[in-house]
Amino acid sequence: MFRVSTLNPKHKTEHSALGKKNTIGLQRERERVLEREREREKKRVGEMSFLLKVFEGPLRSLSQYYRRTVGYELSKYGLRYDDLLDETQNLDVQEALNRLTQEERDMRQQRLKRAMDLSMKHVYLDKETQAKQTPFDHYLSPVLAEVEAEKAEKVALGSDVSYNRQIP
């Protein structure tokens, strides 16, 4: 009924020798592939650093122009850059807002209400008040970076996150 197959010891050694050769061949092939990928990456990094050097001046002037323009527009309404972060779209922002003091949250709400009111009336803050504004005084970004670092650490450790990050 049942037949038990026995391997000839001679065949067993030939089989294991072939297996070792295949394993060594596969390891060498993997090493070659990894080495080619490393060389390509070095070449890409070299090309990118060259492009960054070539375009460093224009990129710097464009970033300064963008920052100046955004700062001017935010100052018109009395907003800060961090006020533009939406807690309904990113739950990390919501967690960062929860970690702020009550006073900072109240100030943020007041700035947002004032901006909406000014926008609805089609007016801006007066020039004197605009000059006092600090649109790039970040109050939320450091806390948000901390929340994201905690999230990345928990993912790296393979543990569950301490709060739900799913958009409802």
N, C-alpha and C. Protein backbone atom coordinates (compact mmCIF):
# COMPACT_ATOMS: atom_id res chain seq x y z
N MET A 1 0.80 -1.18 0.00
CA MET A 1 0.00 0.00 0.00
C MET A 1 0.86 1.27 0.00
N PHE A 2 1.54 1.48 1.13
CA PHE A 2 2.40 2.66 1.20
C PHE A 2 3.83 2.25 0.95
N ARG A 3 4.46 2.99 0.15
CA ARG A 3 5.84 2.68 -0.15
C ARG A 3 6.72 3.77 0.44
N VAL A 4 7.65 3.37 1.21
CA VAL A 4 8.57 4.31 1.84
C VAL A 4 9.77 4.44 0.92
N SER A 5 10.06 5.64 0.55
CA SER A 5 11.18 5.84 -0.36
C SER A 5 12.42 6.12 0.46
N THR A 6 13.47 5.50 0.09
CA THR A 6 14.74 5.72 0.77
C THR A 6 15.70 6.28 -0.25
N LEU A 7 16.47 7.21 0.17
CA LEU A 7 17.44 7.81 -0.72
C LEU A 7 18.78 7.09 -0.58
N ASN A 8 19.37 6.91 -1.68
CA ASN A 8 20.71 6.35 -1.70
C ASN A 8 21.65 7.41 -1.12
N PRO A 9 22.50 7.09 -0.20
CA PRO A 9 23.40 8.08 0.38
C PRO A 9 24.24 8.79 -0.67
N LYS A 10 24.58 8.09 -1.74
CA LYS A 10 25.37 8.70 -2.81
C LYS A 10 24.56 9.82 -3.46
N HIS A 11 23.26 9.58 -3.74
CA HIS A 11 22.40 10.58 -4.36
C HIS A 11 22.19 11.77 -3.41
N LYS A 12 22.14 11.47 -2.12
CA LYS A 12 21.93 12.52 -1.13
C LYS A 12 23.08 13.52 -1.15
N THR A 13 24.30 13.06 -1.22
CA THR A 13 25.45 13.96 -1.23
C THR A 13 25.51 14.75 -2.52
N GLU A 14 25.16 14.10 -3.65
CA GLU A 14 25.14 14.83 -4.92
C GLU A 14 24.09 15.93 -4.87
N HIS A 15 22.93 15.62 -4.31
CA HIS A 15 21.85 16.59 -4.21
C HIS A 15 22.25 17.77 -3.33
N SER A 16 22.88 17.48 -2.19
CA SER A 16 23.27 18.57 -1.29
C SER A 16 24.40 19.41 -1.91
N ALA A 17 25.28 18.78 -2.67
CA ALA A 17 26.35 19.53 -3.33
C ALA A 17 25.77 20.46 -4.38
N LEU A 18 24.77 19.98 -5.14
CA LEU A 18 24.11 20.83 -6.13
C LEU A 18 23.39 21.99 -5.43
N GLY A 19 22.76 21.70 -4.32
CA GLY A 19 22.05 22.74 -3.56
C GLY A 19 23.00 23.82 -3.07
N LYS A 20 24.18 23.40 -2.59
CA LYS A 20 25.17 24.36 -2.12
C LYS A 20 25.66 25.24 -3.26
N LYS A 21 25.91 24.61 -4.44
CA LYS A 21 26.37 25.38 -5.59
C LYS A 21 25.32 26.39 -6.02
N ASN A 22 24.04 25.98 -6.04
CA ASN A 22 22.96 26.90 -6.41
C ASN A 22 22.84 28.04 -5.41
N THR A 23 22.98 27.72 -4.13
CA THR A 23 22.88 28.75 -3.09
C THR A 23 24.01 29.75 -3.22
N ILE A 24 25.22 29.25 -3.45
CA ILE A 24 26.37 30.14 -3.61
C ILE A 24 26.19 30.99 -4.86
N GLY A 25 25.70 30.37 -5.92
CA GLY A 25 25.45 31.13 -7.17
C GLY A 25 24.41 32.22 -6.97
N LEU A 26 23.35 31.90 -6.24
CA LEU A 26 22.31 32.89 -5.97
C LEU A 26 22.85 34.04 -5.11
N GLN A 27 23.67 33.71 -4.14
CA GLN A 27 24.25 34.76 -3.30
C GLN A 27 25.14 35.68 -4.11
N ARG A 28 25.95 35.12 -4.98
CA ARG A 28 26.83 35.93 -5.83
C ARG A 28 26.00 36.83 -6.75
N GLU A 29 24.93 36.26 -7.31
CA GLU A 29 24.06 37.05 -8.19
C GLU A 29 23.42 38.21 -7.43
N ARG A 30 22.94 37.93 -6.22
CA ARG A 30 22.36 39.00 -5.40
C ARG A 30 23.37 40.08 -5.11
N GLU A 31 24.61 39.68 -4.79
CA GLU A 31 25.67 40.65 -4.52
C GLU A 31 25.95 41.52 -5.74
N ARG A 32 25.97 40.90 -6.93
CA ARG A 32 26.20 41.66 -8.16
C ARG A 32 25.07 42.67 -8.40
N VAL A 33 23.82 42.23 -8.19
CA VAL A 33 22.67 43.11 -8.39
C VAL A 33 22.73 44.28 -7.40
N LEU A 34 23.03 43.99 -6.15
CA LEU A 34 23.14 45.05 -5.13
C LEU A 34 24.25 46.03 -5.47
N GLU A 35 25.37 45.52 -5.95
CA GLU A 35 26.49 46.39 -6.32
C GLU A 35 26.09 47.30 -7.49
N ARG A 36 25.39 46.75 -8.49
CA ARG A 36 24.93 47.58 -9.62
C ARG A 36 23.97 48.67 -9.13
N GLU A 37 23.07 48.31 -8.20
CA GLU A 37 22.13 49.29 -7.66
C GLU A 37 22.86 50.39 -6.90
N ARG A 38 23.89 50.01 -6.14
CA ARG A 38 24.69 51.02 -5.42
C ARG A 38 25.38 51.97 -6.38
N GLU A 39 25.93 51.43 -7.46
CA GLU A 39 26.60 52.26 -8.46
C GLU A 39 25.62 53.23 -9.11
N ARG A 40 24.42 52.74 -9.46
CA ARG A 40 23.39 53.61 -10.05
C ARG A 40 22.99 54.72 -9.08
N GLU A 41 22.85 54.37 -7.80
CA GLU A 41 22.47 55.35 -6.79
C GLU A 41 23.55 56.42 -6.64
N LYS A 42 24.82 56.00 -6.64
CA LYS A 42 25.92 56.97 -6.56
C LYS A 42 25.89 57.92 -7.76
N LYS A 43 25.61 57.37 -8.92
CA LYS A 43 25.55 58.19 -10.13
C LYS A 43 24.40 59.19 -10.03
N ARG A 44 23.21 58.71 -9.55
CA ARG A 44 22.05 59.60 -9.40
C ARG A 44 22.34 60.71 -8.39
N VAL A 45 22.99 60.37 -7.29
CA VAL A 45 23.32 61.36 -6.27
C VAL A 45 24.29 62.38 -6.85
N GLY A 46 25.25 61.91 -7.62
CA GLY A 46 26.19 62.83 -8.26
C GLY A 46 25.49 63.77 -9.22
N GLU A 47 24.56 63.25 -10.00
CA GLU A 47 23.80 64.08 -10.92
C GLU A 47 22.93 65.08 -10.17
N MET A 48 22.30 64.63 -9.09
CA MET A 48 21.44 65.52 -8.30
C MET A 48 22.25 66.63 -7.65
N SER A 49 23.44 66.28 -7.12
CA SER A 49 24.25 67.32 -6.49
C SER A 49 24.71 68.33 -7.54
N PHE A 50 25.01 67.86 -8.73
CA PHE A 50 25.38 68.78 -9.81
C PHE A 50 24.22 69.71 -10.15
N LEU A 51 23.01 69.12 -10.28
CA LEU A 51 21.83 69.94 -10.59
C LEU A 51 21.53 70.94 -9.47
N LEU A 52 21.70 70.49 -8.23
CA LEU A 52 21.47 71.40 -7.11
C LEU A 52 22.46 72.56 -7.12
N LYS A 53 23.71 72.27 -7.48
CA LYS A 53 24.71 73.34 -7.55
C LYS A 53 24.37 74.32 -8.68
N VAL A 54 23.92 73.77 -9.81
CA VAL A 54 23.60 74.63 -10.95
C VAL A 54 22.39 75.51 -10.64
N PHE A 55 21.37 74.93 -10.03
CA PHE A 55 20.13 75.66 -9.79
C PHE A 55 20.02 76.25 -8.39
N GLU A 56 21.10 76.24 -7.64
CA GLU A 56 21.04 76.72 -6.26
C GLU A 56 20.63 78.18 -6.18
N GLY A 57 21.21 79.03 -6.99
CA GLY A 57 20.89 80.45 -6.96
C GLY A 57 19.43 80.73 -7.33
N PRO A 58 18.97 80.23 -8.49
CA PRO A 58 17.57 80.46 -8.85
C PRO A 58 16.58 79.87 -7.85
N LEU A 59 16.88 78.68 -7.32
CA LEU A 59 15.99 78.07 -6.33
C LEU A 59 15.93 78.90 -5.06
N ARG A 60 17.08 79.43 -4.65
CA ARG A 60 17.11 80.24 -3.44
C ARG A 60 16.28 81.51 -3.63
N SER A 61 16.44 82.15 -4.78
CA SER A 61 15.68 83.39 -5.01
C SER A 61 14.18 83.10 -5.13
N LEU A 62 13.82 81.97 -5.76
CA LEU A 62 12.40 81.60 -5.85
C LEU A 62 11.82 81.31 -4.48
N SER A 63 12.59 80.62 -3.63
CA SER A 63 12.08 80.31 -2.29
C SER A 63 11.93 81.58 -1.46
N GLN A 64 12.86 82.51 -1.61
CA GLN A 64 12.74 83.78 -0.89
C GLN A 64 11.52 84.57 -1.38
N TYR A 65 11.30 84.57 -2.69
CA TYR A 65 10.13 85.26 -3.25
C TYR A 65 8.84 84.63 -2.72
N TYR A 66 8.79 83.30 -2.72
CA TYR A 66 7.60 82.59 -2.24
C TYR A 66 7.35 82.90 -0.77
N ARG A 67 8.38 82.85 0.03
CA ARG A 67 8.24 83.11 1.46
C ARG A 67 7.77 84.55 1.70
N ARG A 68 8.34 85.48 0.97
CA ARG A 68 7.95 86.89 1.11
C ARG A 68 6.49 87.09 0.72
N THR A 69 6.07 86.47 -0.40
CA THR A 69 4.70 86.61 -0.88
C THR A 69 3.70 85.97 0.08
N VAL A 70 4.00 84.77 0.54
CA VAL A 70 3.11 84.09 1.48
C VAL A 70 3.03 84.87 2.79
N GLY A 71 4.16 85.37 3.26
CA GLY A 71 4.18 86.17 4.49
C GLY A 71 3.34 87.43 4.36
N TYR A 72 3.41 88.07 3.20
CA TYR A 72 2.62 89.27 2.96
C TYR A 72 1.13 88.96 2.97
N GLU A 73 0.74 87.87 2.29
CA GLU A 73 -0.67 87.49 2.23
C GLU A 73 -1.20 87.08 3.61
N LEU A 74 -0.40 86.37 4.38
CA LEU A 74 -0.84 85.98 5.72
C LEU A 74 -0.95 87.20 6.63
N SER A 75 -0.06 88.14 6.49
CA SER A 75 -0.09 89.34 7.32
C SER A 75 -1.33 90.18 7.05
N LYS A 76 -1.82 90.15 5.82
CA LYS A 76 -3.03 90.92 5.50
C LYS A 76 -4.21 90.50 6.36
N TYR A 77 -4.25 89.21 6.71
CA TYR A 77 -5.36 88.69 7.49
C TYR A 77 -4.99 88.40 8.94
N GLY A 78 -3.73 88.59 9.29
CA GLY A 78 -3.30 88.36 10.66
C GLY A 78 -3.11 86.89 10.99
N LEU A 79 -2.78 86.08 10.00
CA LEU A 79 -2.60 84.64 10.21
C LEU A 79 -1.12 84.28 10.33
N ARG A 80 -0.88 83.11 10.85
CA ARG A 80 0.46 82.52 10.86
C ARG A 80 0.43 81.31 9.94
N TYR A 81 1.61 80.91 9.50
CA TYR A 81 1.70 79.79 8.56
C TYR A 81 1.10 78.52 9.14
N ASP A 82 1.33 78.28 10.43
CA ASP A 82 0.80 77.07 11.07
C ASP A 82 -0.72 77.09 11.18
N ASP A 83 -1.33 78.26 11.07
CA ASP A 83 -2.79 78.33 11.11
C ASP A 83 -3.41 77.68 9.88
N LEU A 84 -2.64 77.52 8.83
CA LEU A 84 -3.16 76.94 7.59
C LEU A 84 -3.25 75.41 7.65
N LEU A 85 -2.63 74.80 8.64
CA LEU A 85 -2.68 73.35 8.78
C LEU A 85 -4.07 72.95 9.25
N ASP A 86 -4.68 72.03 8.53
CA ASP A 86 -6.07 71.65 8.79
C ASP A 86 -6.15 70.35 9.57
N GLU A 87 -6.75 70.41 10.75
CA GLU A 87 -6.84 69.23 11.60
C GLU A 87 -7.82 68.20 11.09
N THR A 88 -8.71 68.57 10.18
CA THR A 88 -9.66 67.59 9.65
C THR A 88 -9.04 66.76 8.53
N GLN A 89 -7.97 67.23 7.93
CA GLN A 89 -7.32 66.50 6.85
C GLN A 89 -6.16 65.64 7.31
N ASN A 90 -5.55 66.01 8.44
CA ASN A 90 -4.39 65.29 8.94
C ASN A 90 -4.58 65.12 10.44
N LEU A 91 -4.76 63.90 10.86
CA LEU A 91 -5.03 63.66 12.28
C LEU A 91 -3.79 63.83 13.14
N ASP A 92 -2.60 63.85 12.54
CA ASP A 92 -1.40 64.19 13.30
C ASP A 92 -1.47 65.66 13.73
N VAL A 93 -2.01 66.50 12.86
CA VAL A 93 -2.20 67.92 13.21
C VAL A 93 -3.19 68.02 14.36
N GLN A 94 -4.23 67.23 14.32
CA GLN A 94 -5.22 67.24 15.39
C GLN A 94 -4.58 66.84 16.72
N GLU A 95 -3.75 65.82 16.69
CA GLU A 95 -3.06 65.41 17.92
C GLU A 95 -2.10 66.49 18.40
N ALA A 96 -1.40 67.14 17.47
CA ALA A 96 -0.49 68.23 17.85
C ALA A 96 -1.27 69.39 18.47
N LEU A 97 -2.43 69.70 17.91
CA LEU A 97 -3.27 70.77 18.49
C LEU A 97 -3.74 70.39 19.90
N ASN A 98 -4.04 69.14 20.11
CA ASN A 98 -4.46 68.70 21.44
C ASN A 98 -3.34 68.84 22.46
N ARG A 99 -2.10 68.79 22.00
CA ARG A 99 -0.96 68.91 22.91
C ARG A 99 -0.60 70.36 23.22
N LEU A 100 -1.14 71.30 22.45
CA LEU A 100 -0.88 72.71 22.72
C LEU A 100 -1.60 73.15 23.99
N THR A 101 -1.13 74.25 24.56
CA THR A 101 -1.82 74.80 25.73
C THR A 101 -3.15 75.41 25.28
N GLN A 102 -4.05 75.55 26.21
CA GLN A 102 -5.37 76.12 25.90
C GLN A 102 -5.22 77.54 25.35
N GLU A 103 -4.30 78.29 25.88
CA GLU A 103 -4.08 79.68 25.43
C GLU A 103 -3.66 79.72 23.95
N GLU A 104 -2.75 78.83 23.55
CA GLU A 104 -2.31 78.80 22.15
C GLU A 104 -3.45 78.39 21.23
N ARG A 105 -4.27 77.43 21.66
CA ARG A 105 -5.42 77.02 20.84
C ARG A 105 -6.42 78.16 20.71
N ASP A 106 -6.66 78.89 21.80
CA ASP A 106 -7.60 80.02 21.75
C ASP A 106 -7.08 81.11 20.83
N MET A 107 -5.78 81.39 20.89
CA MET A 107 -5.20 82.42 20.01
C MET A 107 -5.34 82.00 18.54
N ARG A 108 -5.13 80.72 18.26
CA ARG A 108 -5.28 80.22 16.89
C ARG A 108 -6.72 80.40 16.41
N GLN A 109 -7.68 80.02 17.25
CA GLN A 109 -9.09 80.17 16.88
C GLN A 109 -9.44 81.64 16.64
N GLN A 110 -8.90 82.52 17.47
CA GLN A 110 -9.17 83.95 17.31
C GLN A 110 -8.60 84.48 15.99
N ARG A 111 -7.38 84.05 15.65
CA ARG A 111 -6.79 84.47 14.37
C ARG A 111 -7.62 83.96 13.20
N LEU A 112 -8.06 82.72 13.26
CA LEU A 112 -8.87 82.16 12.17
C LEU A 112 -10.21 82.88 12.05
N LYS A 113 -10.85 83.18 13.17
CA LYS A 113 -12.13 83.90 13.13
C LYS A 113 -11.95 85.30 12.54
N ARG A 114 -10.88 85.99 12.98
CA ARG A 114 -10.62 87.33 12.46
C ARG A 114 -10.36 87.28 10.96
N ALA A 115 -9.59 86.29 10.50
CA ALA A 115 -9.29 86.17 9.07
C ALA A 115 -10.55 85.91 8.26
N MET A 116 -11.43 85.04 8.77
CA MET A 116 -12.69 84.78 8.05
C MET A 116 -13.56 86.03 8.01
N ASP A 117 -13.60 86.76 9.10
CA ASP A 117 -14.39 87.98 9.14
C ASP A 117 -13.86 89.02 8.15
N LEU A 118 -12.53 89.20 8.14
CA LEU A 118 -11.94 90.16 7.20
C LEU A 118 -12.18 89.73 5.75
N SER A 119 -12.08 88.44 5.49
CA SER A 119 -12.28 87.93 4.15
C SER A 119 -13.72 88.15 3.69
N MET A 120 -14.67 87.90 4.57
CA MET A 120 -16.09 88.09 4.21
C MET A 120 -16.40 89.56 3.93
N LYS A 121 -15.72 90.46 4.65
CA LYS A 121 -15.94 91.90 4.47
C LYS A 121 -15.12 92.48 3.33
N HIS A 122 -14.24 91.68 2.75
CA HIS A 122 -13.35 92.11 1.66
C HIS A 122 -12.47 93.28 2.09
N VAL A 123 -11.93 93.19 3.30
CA VAL A 123 -10.99 94.20 3.81
C VAL A 123 -9.79 93.47 4.39
N TYR A 124 -8.73 94.25 4.63
CA TYR A 124 -7.52 93.72 5.23
C TYR A 124 -7.26 94.45 6.54
N LEU A 125 -6.32 93.90 7.31
CA LEU A 125 -5.88 94.61 8.51
C LEU A 125 -5.22 95.92 8.10
N ASP A 126 -5.24 96.91 8.99
CA ASP A 126 -4.56 98.17 8.66
C ASP A 126 -3.05 97.93 8.60
N LYS A 127 -2.35 98.81 7.93
CA LYS A 127 -0.91 98.65 7.67
C LYS A 127 -0.11 98.54 8.97
N GLU A 128 -0.51 99.29 9.97
CA GLU A 128 0.20 99.26 11.25
C GLU A 128 0.11 97.87 11.90
N THR A 129 -1.07 97.28 11.88
CA THR A 129 -1.27 95.96 12.46
C THR A 129 -0.59 94.89 11.61
N GLN A 130 -0.60 95.07 10.30
CA GLN A 130 0.07 94.12 9.41
C GLN A 130 1.57 94.09 9.70
N ALA A 131 2.14 95.24 10.00
CA ALA A 131 3.58 95.31 10.26
C ALA A 131 3.95 94.54 11.54
N LYS A 132 3.03 94.42 12.47
CA LYS A 132 3.29 93.72 13.73
C LYS A 132 3.16 92.21 13.62
N GLN A 133 2.59 91.72 12.53
CA GLN A 133 2.32 90.29 12.38
C GLN A 133 3.62 89.51 12.19
N THR A 134 3.62 88.29 12.70
CA THR A 134 4.77 87.38 12.55
C THR A 134 4.27 86.08 11.91
N PRO A 135 4.12 86.06 10.58
CA PRO A 135 3.52 84.90 9.92
C PRO A 135 4.35 83.62 10.01
N PHE A 136 5.64 83.74 10.22
CA PHE A 136 6.49 82.54 10.26
C PHE A 136 6.98 82.23 11.67
N ASP A 137 6.26 82.67 12.67
CA ASP A 137 6.53 82.30 14.05
C ASP A 137 5.79 80.98 14.30
N HIS A 138 6.50 79.89 14.15
CA HIS A 138 5.87 78.57 14.19
C HIS A 138 5.59 78.14 15.63
N TYR A 139 4.35 77.85 15.90
CA TYR A 139 3.95 77.36 17.22
C TYR A 139 3.49 75.91 17.16
N LEU A 140 3.08 75.45 16.00
CA LEU A 140 2.55 74.10 15.86
C LEU A 140 3.54 73.13 15.21
N SER A 141 4.39 73.62 14.35
CA SER A 141 5.31 72.76 13.61
C SER A 141 6.23 71.93 14.51
N PRO A 142 6.81 72.50 15.57
CA PRO A 142 7.66 71.66 16.44
C PRO A 142 6.87 70.53 17.11
N VAL A 143 5.66 70.82 17.54
CA VAL A 143 4.84 69.79 18.18
C VAL A 143 4.43 68.74 17.14
N LEU A 144 4.11 69.19 15.93
CA LEU A 144 3.74 68.26 14.85
C LEU A 144 4.92 67.36 14.50
N ALA A 145 6.12 67.90 14.44
CA ALA A 145 7.31 67.09 14.16
C ALA A 145 7.50 66.03 15.25
N GLU A 146 7.24 66.40 16.48
CA GLU A 146 7.34 65.46 17.59
C GLU A 146 6.31 64.33 17.45
N VAL A 147 5.08 64.68 17.09
CA VAL A 147 4.02 63.68 16.91
C VAL A 147 4.38 62.73 15.77
N GLU A 148 4.87 63.27 14.67
CA GLU A 148 5.25 62.43 13.53
C GLU A 148 6.44 61.54 13.85
N ALA A 149 7.39 62.05 14.66
CA ALA A 149 8.53 61.22 15.07
C ALA A 149 8.06 60.08 15.96
N GLU A 150 7.13 60.35 16.86
CA GLU A 150 6.58 59.29 17.70
C GLU A 150 5.86 58.24 16.85
N LYS A 151 5.12 58.71 15.86
CA LYS A 151 4.40 57.79 14.97
C LYS A 151 5.38 56.91 14.21
N ALA A 152 6.44 57.51 13.69
CA ALA A 152 7.45 56.74 12.94
C ALA A 152 8.15 55.74 13.84
N GLU A 153 8.42 56.14 15.08
CA GLU A 153 9.08 55.24 16.01
C GLU A 153 8.17 54.04 16.34
N LYS A 154 6.89 54.30 16.54
CA LYS A 154 5.97 53.22 16.84
C LYS A 154 5.81 52.27 15.66
N VAL A 155 5.81 52.81 14.46
CA VAL A 155 5.72 51.97 13.26
C VAL A 155 6.99 51.12 13.14
N ALA A 156 8.14 51.74 13.43
CA ALA A 156 9.41 51.00 13.34
C ALA A 156 9.47 49.88 14.37
N LEU A 157 8.88 50.11 15.53
CA LEU A 157 8.87 49.09 16.57
C LEU A 157 7.78 48.05 16.35
N GLY A 158 6.86 48.34 15.45
CA GLY A 158 5.81 47.40 15.14
C GLY A 158 4.66 47.40 16.13
N SER A 159 4.58 48.42 16.95
CA SER A 159 3.48 48.48 17.91
C SER A 159 2.34 49.31 17.34
N ASP A 160 1.19 49.19 17.98
CA ASP A 160 0.03 49.96 17.55
C ASP A 160 0.21 51.42 17.93
N VAL A 161 -0.40 52.29 17.16
CA VAL A 161 -0.35 53.70 17.49
C VAL A 161 -1.30 53.96 18.66
N SER A 162 -0.98 54.98 19.46
CA SER A 162 -1.74 55.21 20.68
C SER A 162 -3.08 55.88 20.43
N TYR A 163 -3.28 56.42 19.25
CA TYR A 163 -4.57 57.03 18.93
C TYR A 163 -4.88 56.76 17.48
N ASN A 164 -6.14 56.83 17.14
CA ASN A 164 -6.62 56.50 15.81
C ASN A 164 -6.22 57.57 14.82
N ARG A 165 -5.54 57.18 13.74
CA ARG A 165 -5.10 58.15 12.73
C ARG A 165 -5.93 58.02 11.45
N GLN A 166 -7.02 57.31 11.49
CA GLN A 166 -7.84 57.13 10.30
C GLN A 166 -8.83 58.28 10.17
N ILE A 167 -8.95 58.80 8.97
CA ILE A 167 -9.94 59.84 8.71
C ILE A 167 -11.32 59.16 8.74
N PRO A 168 -12.25 59.69 9.55
CA PRO A 168 -13.57 59.05 9.65
C PRO A 168 -14.35 59.10 8.35
